[in-house]
Amino acid sequence: MSATRVPEQADDVVSKPSNASVAKTLDRLESAVRAKGLSVFARIDHTAGAQGAGLKMQEAQVLIFGGPKSGTPLMVTRPLVALDLPMRALAWSDATGQVWVSYNAPAYYAHRYRVPDGLEQNLAAIEALVDAVIRDPA
């Protein structure tokens, strides 16, 4: 992919460019999540919601996903982590039409909730899933 300007960041948010549309990017992510045996809990189309309210906004969709094998040990050890789980990824387009996939960095959860050593790897799957999706040329 050609050099692309990274959007302004919120603290602890990772944003990576995608070579597909917002919908196609989330379709790919949803397929990858299901292939890993994880659950998809919701897909939220913020653009459609805005249109339903008579408003306009850039394309933006969120996928909420996770699995009990990775999330439950975190929530048992640190119950408040349930405020941020299951995980979510946002596919959105910027003003130039570039599509991005953004998600909270796994280190964000580990730091915010003081996740004990050994459990932080339960949060890392999102990075590999997103990387596989944005590399896929299909």
Foldseek 3Di string as FASTA:
>chain_A
DDDDDDDDDDPQKDKDWAPDAQVLLVVQLVVLCVVVVKDWDDKAFVQVVQVVVVHGDWTKMKIAIGHCVLPVVQCVVQVVCVVCPPWMWMWTADPVRTIMIMGGHLVCSCVVRVGDPPNSVSSVVVVVSSVVSRPDPD
